[in-house]
Amino acid sequence: MSDIRLLFGTPAIKDRDKLISAVRELSAASGCIIQAFDADLVVSERHIRFAAEKALEAFSRERNIAKDPGMEIMRYASGERQIERAFFMGVGPGTGRIALAVATANGTRLPDEEELSRLIRPDGMGARLSPSAVMKAFNISETEISLVGEQRIEDLVIERVALVDTYH
């Protein structure tokens, strides 16, 4: 992977199915990988970058579970081995704010601002960590938090991403 960009903002298309279709169309047209997430569950750019690296490595070694690279990134980002269990990270009917991960592979180019503006209205606010939402989504216990501290939630999520390959 040569480049990854993570944008946070509101969806330019309010209808979830139309947004997902537009994401797929731009991904196909540009040749890059684009995946939309519920922004409330993206802990940091490091979280998504690490998940993307793991997903693309799985594809290069032919150990991927999902057929779509974007879905493989979501699977890793969720810390789940099963695709169906990873959907909680995606854009749902009640998602107000999204994170859009855009990754290049094999020399493809990142879409320009105008192309991306058809999908997202960036707000410049980045990840807004809600500890309780993240703890619930990633199954982080109060015991874990008491041992490492709330400031280490990002590390606990990234640990789950790293362990995806070890789950059966």
C-alpha atoms as a PDB file:
ATOM      1  CA  MET A   1       0.000   0.000   0.000  1.00  0.00           C
ATOM      2  CA  SER A   2       1.477   3.291  -0.981  1.00  0.00           C
ATOM      3  CA  ASP A   3      -0.926   5.782   0.591  1.00  0.00           C
ATOM      4  CA  ILE A   4      -3.970   5.931   2.842  1.00  0.00           C
ATOM      5  CA  ARG A   5      -6.169   8.862   3.640  1.00  0.00           C
ATOM      6  CA  LEU A   6      -8.796   9.056   6.327  1.00  0.00           C
ATOM      7  CA  LEU A   7     -11.490  11.716   6.130  1.00  0.00           C
ATOM      8  CA  PHE A   8     -14.093  12.447   8.779  1.00  0.00           C
ATOM      9  CA  GLY A   9     -17.345  14.272   8.124  1.00  0.00           C
ATOM     10  CA  THR A  10     -20.990  13.947   7.211  1.00  0.00           C
ATOM     11  CA  PRO A  11     -22.153  11.833   4.300  1.00  0.00           C
ATOM     12  CA  ALA A  12     -22.830  13.855   1.143  1.00  0.00           C
ATOM     13  CA  ILE A  13     -25.498  11.277   0.288  1.00  0.00           C
ATOM     14  CA  LYS A  14     -27.987  10.691   3.101  1.00  0.00           C
ATOM     15  CA  ASP A  15     -29.474   7.433   1.769  1.00  0.00           C
ATOM     16  CA  ARG A  16     -27.230   4.622   3.057  1.00  0.00           C
ATOM     17  CA  ASP A  17     -27.653   2.332   0.028  1.00  0.00           C
ATOM     18  CA  LYS A  18     -26.977   5.168  -2.430  1.00  0.00           C
ATOM     19  CA  LEU A  19     -23.907   6.202  -0.449  1.00  0.00           C
ATOM     20  CA  ILE A  20     -22.529   2.658  -0.519  1.00  0.00           C
ATOM     21  CA  SER A  21     -23.204   2.447  -4.280  1.00  0.00           C
ATOM     22  CA  ALA A  22     -21.397   5.760  -4.827  1.00  0.00           C
ATOM     23  CA  VAL A  23     -18.442   4.512  -2.757  1.00  0.00           C
ATOM     24  CA  ARG A  24     -18.237   1.374  -4.918  1.00  0.00           C
ATOM     25  CA  GLU A  25     -18.493   3.403  -8.147  1.00  0.00           C
ATOM     26  CA  LEU A  26     -15.700   5.804  -7.166  1.00  0.00           C
ATOM     27  CA  SER A  27     -13.560   2.915  -5.990  1.00  0.00           C
ATOM     28  CA  ALA A  28     -13.989   1.142  -9.333  1.00  0.00           C
ATOM     29  CA  ALA A  29     -13.407   4.338 -11.345  1.00  0.00           C
ATOM     30  CA  SER A  30     -10.250   5.332  -9.451  1.00  0.00           C
ATOM     31  CA  GLY A  31      -8.867   1.834  -8.922  1.00  0.00           C
ATOM     32  CA  CYS A  32      -8.265   2.536  -5.237  1.00  0.00           C
ATOM     33  CA  ILE A  33      -9.879   0.996  -2.186  1.00  0.00           C
ATOM     34  CA  ILE A  34     -12.559   3.069  -0.472  1.00  0.00           C
ATOM     35  CA  GLN A  35     -14.375   1.986   2.692  1.00  0.00           C
ATOM     36  CA  ALA A  36     -16.908   3.944   4.732  1.00  0.00           C
ATOM     37  CA  PHE A  37     -17.093   3.507   8.507  1.00  0.00           C
ATOM     38  CA  ASP A  38     -19.277   4.791  11.306  1.00  0.00           C
ATOM     39  CA  ALA A  39     -16.967   7.573  12.533  1.00  0.00           C
ATOM     40  CA  ASP A  40     -17.942   6.993  16.167  1.00  0.00           C
ATOM     41  CA  LEU A  41     -16.187   3.606  16.059  1.00  0.00           C
ATOM     42  CA  VAL A  42     -12.948   4.685  14.382  1.00  0.00           C
ATOM     43  CA  VAL A  43     -10.524   5.213  17.229  1.00  0.00           C
ATOM     44  CA  SER A  44      -7.753   6.908  15.250  1.00  0.00           C
ATOM     45  CA  GLU A  45      -6.007   7.101  11.911  1.00  0.00           C
ATOM     46  CA  ARG A  46      -3.463   4.640  13.339  1.00  0.00           C
ATOM     47  CA  HIS A  47      -6.328   2.182  13.947  1.00  0.00           C
ATOM     48  CA  ILE A  48      -7.505   2.282  10.313  1.00  0.00           C
ATOM     49  CA  ARG A  49      -4.009   2.439   8.814  1.00  0.00           C
ATOM     50  CA  PHE A  50      -2.978  -0.684  10.753  1.00  0.00           C
ATOM     51  CA  ALA A  51      -6.186  -2.484   9.715  1.00  0.00           C
ATOM     52  CA  ALA A  52      -5.607  -1.541   6.052  1.00  0.00           C
ATOM     53  CA  GLU A  53      -2.030  -2.784   6.170  1.00  0.00           C
ATOM     54  CA  LYS A  54      -3.125  -6.095   7.707  1.00  0.00           C
ATOM     55  CA  ALA A  55      -5.954  -6.477   5.156  1.00  0.00           C
ATOM     56  CA  LEU A  56      -3.750  -5.797   2.148  1.00  0.00           C
ATOM     57  CA  GLU A  57      -1.115  -8.143   3.532  1.00  0.00           C
ATOM     58  CA  ALA A  58      -3.788 -10.840   3.830  1.00  0.00           C
ATOM     59  CA  PHE A  59      -4.705 -10.285   0.162  1.00  0.00           C
ATOM     60  CA  SER A  60      -1.077 -10.447  -0.960  1.00  0.00           C
ATOM     61  CA  ARG A  61      -0.646 -13.749   0.885  1.00  0.00           C
ATOM     62  CA  GLU A  62      -4.028 -15.034  -0.346  1.00  0.00           C
ATOM     63  CA  ARG A  63      -5.237 -15.391   3.250  1.00  0.00           C
ATOM     64  CA  ASN A  64      -8.073 -12.896   2.939  1.00  0.00           C
ATOM     65  CA  ILE A  65     -11.568 -13.865   4.093  1.00  0.00           C
ATOM     66  CA  ALA A  66     -13.531 -11.155   2.257  1.00  0.00           C
ATOM     67  CA  LYS A  67     -13.451 -10.959  -1.528  1.00  0.00           C
ATOM     68  CA  ASP A  68     -13.532  -7.148  -1.441  1.00  0.00           C
ATOM     69  CA  PRO A  69     -10.439  -5.317  -0.102  1.00  0.00           C
ATOM     70  CA  GLY A  70     -12.594  -2.618   1.523  1.00  0.00           C
ATOM     71  CA  MET A  71     -14.585  -5.229   3.391  1.00  0.00           C
ATOM     72  CA  GLU A  72     -11.340  -6.930   4.425  1.00  0.00           C
ATOM     73  CA  ILE A  73     -10.177  -3.599   5.872  1.00  0.00           C
ATOM     74  CA  MET A  74     -13.469  -3.327   7.783  1.00  0.00           C
ATOM     75  CA  ARG A  75     -13.070  -6.887   9.039  1.00  0.00           C
ATOM     76  CA  TYR A  76      -9.641  -6.096  10.452  1.00  0.00           C
ATOM     77  CA  ALA A  77     -10.699  -2.672  11.770  1.00  0.00           C
ATOM     78  CA  SER A  78     -13.545  -4.328  13.682  1.00  0.00           C
ATOM     79  CA  GLY A  79     -11.234  -6.868  15.300  1.00  0.00           C
ATOM     80  CA  GLU A  80     -13.518  -9.630  14.026  1.00  0.00           C
ATOM     81  CA  ARG A  81     -12.655 -12.705  11.995  1.00  0.00           C
ATOM     82  CA  GLN A  82     -16.166 -13.174  10.612  1.00  0.00           C
ATOM     83  CA  ILE A  83     -17.365 -10.690   8.001  1.00  0.00           C
ATOM     84  CA  GLU A  84     -20.929 -10.636   9.354  1.00  0.00           C
ATOM     85  CA  ARG A  85     -19.677  -9.595  12.779  1.00  0.00           C
ATOM     86  CA  ALA A  86     -17.636  -6.747  11.265  1.00  0.00           C
ATOM     87  CA  PHE A  87     -20.667  -4.895   9.892  1.00  0.00           C
ATOM     88  CA  PHE A  88     -21.090  -2.948  13.138  1.00  0.00           C
ATOM     89  CA  MET A  89     -18.218  -0.728  11.934  1.00  0.00           C
ATOM     90  CA  GLY A  90     -20.029   0.197   8.736  1.00  0.00           C
ATOM     91  CA  VAL A  91     -22.438   2.959   7.848  1.00  0.00           C
ATOM     92  CA  GLY A  92     -25.861   2.186   9.277  1.00  0.00           C
ATOM     93  CA  PRO A  93     -29.263   3.840   9.054  1.00  0.00           C
ATOM     94  CA  GLY A  94     -28.553   6.036  12.093  1.00  0.00           C
ATOM     95  CA  THR A  95     -24.985   6.999  11.196  1.00  0.00           C
ATOM     96  CA  GLY A  96     -24.628  10.761  11.286  1.00  0.00           C
ATOM     97  CA  ARG A  97     -20.891  11.048  10.844  1.00  0.00           C
ATOM     98  CA  ILE A  98     -18.678   8.843   8.707  1.00  0.00           C
ATOM     99  CA  ALA A  99     -15.001   8.088   8.311  1.00  0.00           C
ATOM    100  CA  LEU A 100     -13.902   7.404   4.775  1.00  0.00           C
ATOM    101  CA  ALA A 101     -10.719   5.380   4.314  1.00  0.00           C
ATOM    102  CA  VAL A 102      -9.139   5.715   0.895  1.00  0.00           C
ATOM    103  CA  ALA A 103      -6.162   3.484   0.111  1.00  0.00           C
ATOM    104  CA  THR A 104      -4.066   3.187  -3.011  1.00  0.00           C
ATOM    105  CA  ALA A 105      -2.583  -0.064  -4.148  1.00  0.00           C
ATOM    106  CA  ASN A 106      -0.385  -0.971  -7.093  1.00  0.00           C
ATOM    107  CA  GLY A 107       0.247   2.595  -8.241  1.00  0.00           C
ATOM    108  CA  THR A 108      -3.352   3.803  -8.313  1.00  0.00           C
ATOM    109  CA  ARG A 109      -4.112   7.436  -7.536  1.00  0.00           C
ATOM    110  CA  LEU A 110      -6.110   8.902  -4.691  1.00  0.00           C
ATOM    111  CA  PRO A 111      -9.357  10.556  -5.852  1.00  0.00           C
ATOM    112  CA  ASP A 112      -9.224  14.364  -5.792  1.00  0.00           C
ATOM    113  CA  GLU A 113     -11.222  16.600  -3.444  1.00  0.00           C
ATOM    114  CA  GLU A 114     -14.026  17.096  -5.977  1.00  0.00           C
ATOM    115  CA  GLU A 115     -14.499  13.352  -6.439  1.00  0.00           C
ATOM    116  CA  LEU A 116     -14.473  12.736  -2.686  1.00  0.00           C
ATOM    117  CA  SER A 117     -16.909  15.612  -2.071  1.00  0.00           C
ATOM    118  CA  ARG A 118     -19.581  13.491  -3.768  1.00  0.00           C
ATOM    119  CA  LEU A 119     -19.252  11.081  -0.827  1.00  0.00           C
ATOM    120  CA  ILE A 120     -18.298  13.120   2.227  1.00  0.00           C
ATOM    121  CA  ARG A 121     -18.417  16.656   3.581  1.00  0.00           C
ATOM    122  CA  PRO A 122     -15.210  16.784   5.664  1.00  0.00           C
ATOM    123  CA  ASP A 123     -15.575  18.534   9.007  1.00  0.00           C
ATOM    124  CA  GLY A 124     -11.898  18.588   9.998  1.00  0.00           C
ATOM    125  CA  MET A 125     -12.710  17.181  13.434  1.00  0.00           C
ATOM    126  CA  GLY A 126     -10.964  13.825  13.161  1.00  0.00           C
ATOM    127  CA  ALA A 127     -11.763  10.900  15.451  1.00  0.00           C
ATOM    128  CA  ARG A 128     -13.904  11.788  18.447  1.00  0.00           C
ATOM    129  CA  LEU A 129     -13.377   8.928  20.829  1.00  0.00           C
ATOM    130  CA  SER A 130     -16.370   7.947  22.930  1.00  0.00           C
ATOM    131  CA  PRO A 131     -14.856   5.524  25.450  1.00  0.00           C
ATOM    132  CA  SER A 132     -18.156   3.853  26.364  1.00  0.00           C
ATOM    133  CA  ALA A 133     -19.185   3.310  22.710  1.00  0.00           C
ATOM    134  CA  VAL A 134     -15.757   1.946  21.791  1.00  0.00           C
ATOM    135  CA  MET A 135     -15.630  -0.294  24.863  1.00  0.00           C
ATOM    136  CA  LYS A 136     -19.014  -1.759  23.982  1.00  0.00           C
ATOM    137  CA  ALA A 137     -18.280  -2.188  20.259  1.00  0.00           C
ATOM    138  CA  PHE A 138     -14.879  -3.800  20.788  1.00  0.00           C
ATOM    139  CA  ASN A 139     -15.793  -5.806  23.849  1.00  0.00           C
ATOM    140  CA  ILE A 140     -13.331  -4.011  26.121  1.00  0.00           C
ATOM    141  CA  SER A 141     -14.015  -4.789  29.739  1.00  0.00           C
ATOM    142  CA  GLU A 142     -13.893  -2.498  32.745  1.00  0.00           C
ATOM    143  CA  THR A 143     -11.155  -4.790  34.069  1.00  0.00           C
ATOM    144  CA  GLU A 144      -8.970  -4.082  31.030  1.00  0.00           C
ATOM    145  CA  ILE A 145      -9.526  -0.344  31.473  1.00  0.00           C
ATOM    146  CA  SER A 146      -8.700  -0.538  35.173  1.00  0.00           C
ATOM    147  CA  LEU A 147      -5.427  -2.325  34.334  1.00  0.00           C
ATOM    148  CA  VAL A 148      -4.172  -0.062  31.536  1.00  0.00           C
ATOM    149  CA  GLY A 149      -6.195   3.143  31.882  1.00  0.00           C
ATOM    150  CA  GLU A 150      -8.732   4.798  29.614  1.00  0.00           C
ATOM    151  CA  GLN A 151      -5.957   6.630  27.746  1.00  0.00           C
ATOM    152  CA  ARG A 152      -4.873   3.241  26.300  1.00  0.00           C
ATOM    153  CA  ILE A 153      -8.189   2.392  24.586  1.00  0.00           C
ATOM    154  CA  GLU A 154      -6.560   2.944  21.191  1.00  0.00           C
ATOM    155  CA  ASP A 155      -3.908   0.344  22.048  1.00  0.00           C
ATOM    156  CA  LEU A 156      -6.568  -2.146  23.167  1.00  0.00           C
ATOM    157  CA  VAL A 157      -8.445  -1.738  19.867  1.00  0.00           C
ATOM    158  CA  ILE A 158      -5.248  -2.089  17.825  1.00  0.00           C
ATOM    159  CA  GLU A 159      -4.438  -5.227  19.806  1.00  0.00           C
ATOM    160  CA  ARG A 160      -7.778  -6.661  18.681  1.00  0.00           C
ATOM    161  CA  VAL A 161      -6.928  -5.786  15.063  1.00  0.00           C
ATOM    162  CA  ALA A 162      -3.579  -7.556  15.432  1.00  0.00           C
ATOM    163  CA  LEU A 163      -5.236 -10.661  16.861  1.00  0.00           C
ATOM    164  CA  VAL A 164      -7.785 -11.106  14.031  1.00  0.00           C
ATOM    165  CA  ASP A 165      -5.578 -13.676  12.303  1.00  0.00           C
ATOM    166  CA  THR A 166      -5.333 -15.800  15.450  1.00  0.00           C
ATOM    167  CA  TYR A 167      -9.103 -16.206  15.993  1.00  0.00           C
ATOM    168  CA  HIS A 168     -10.764 -19.392  14.864  1.00  0.00           C
END
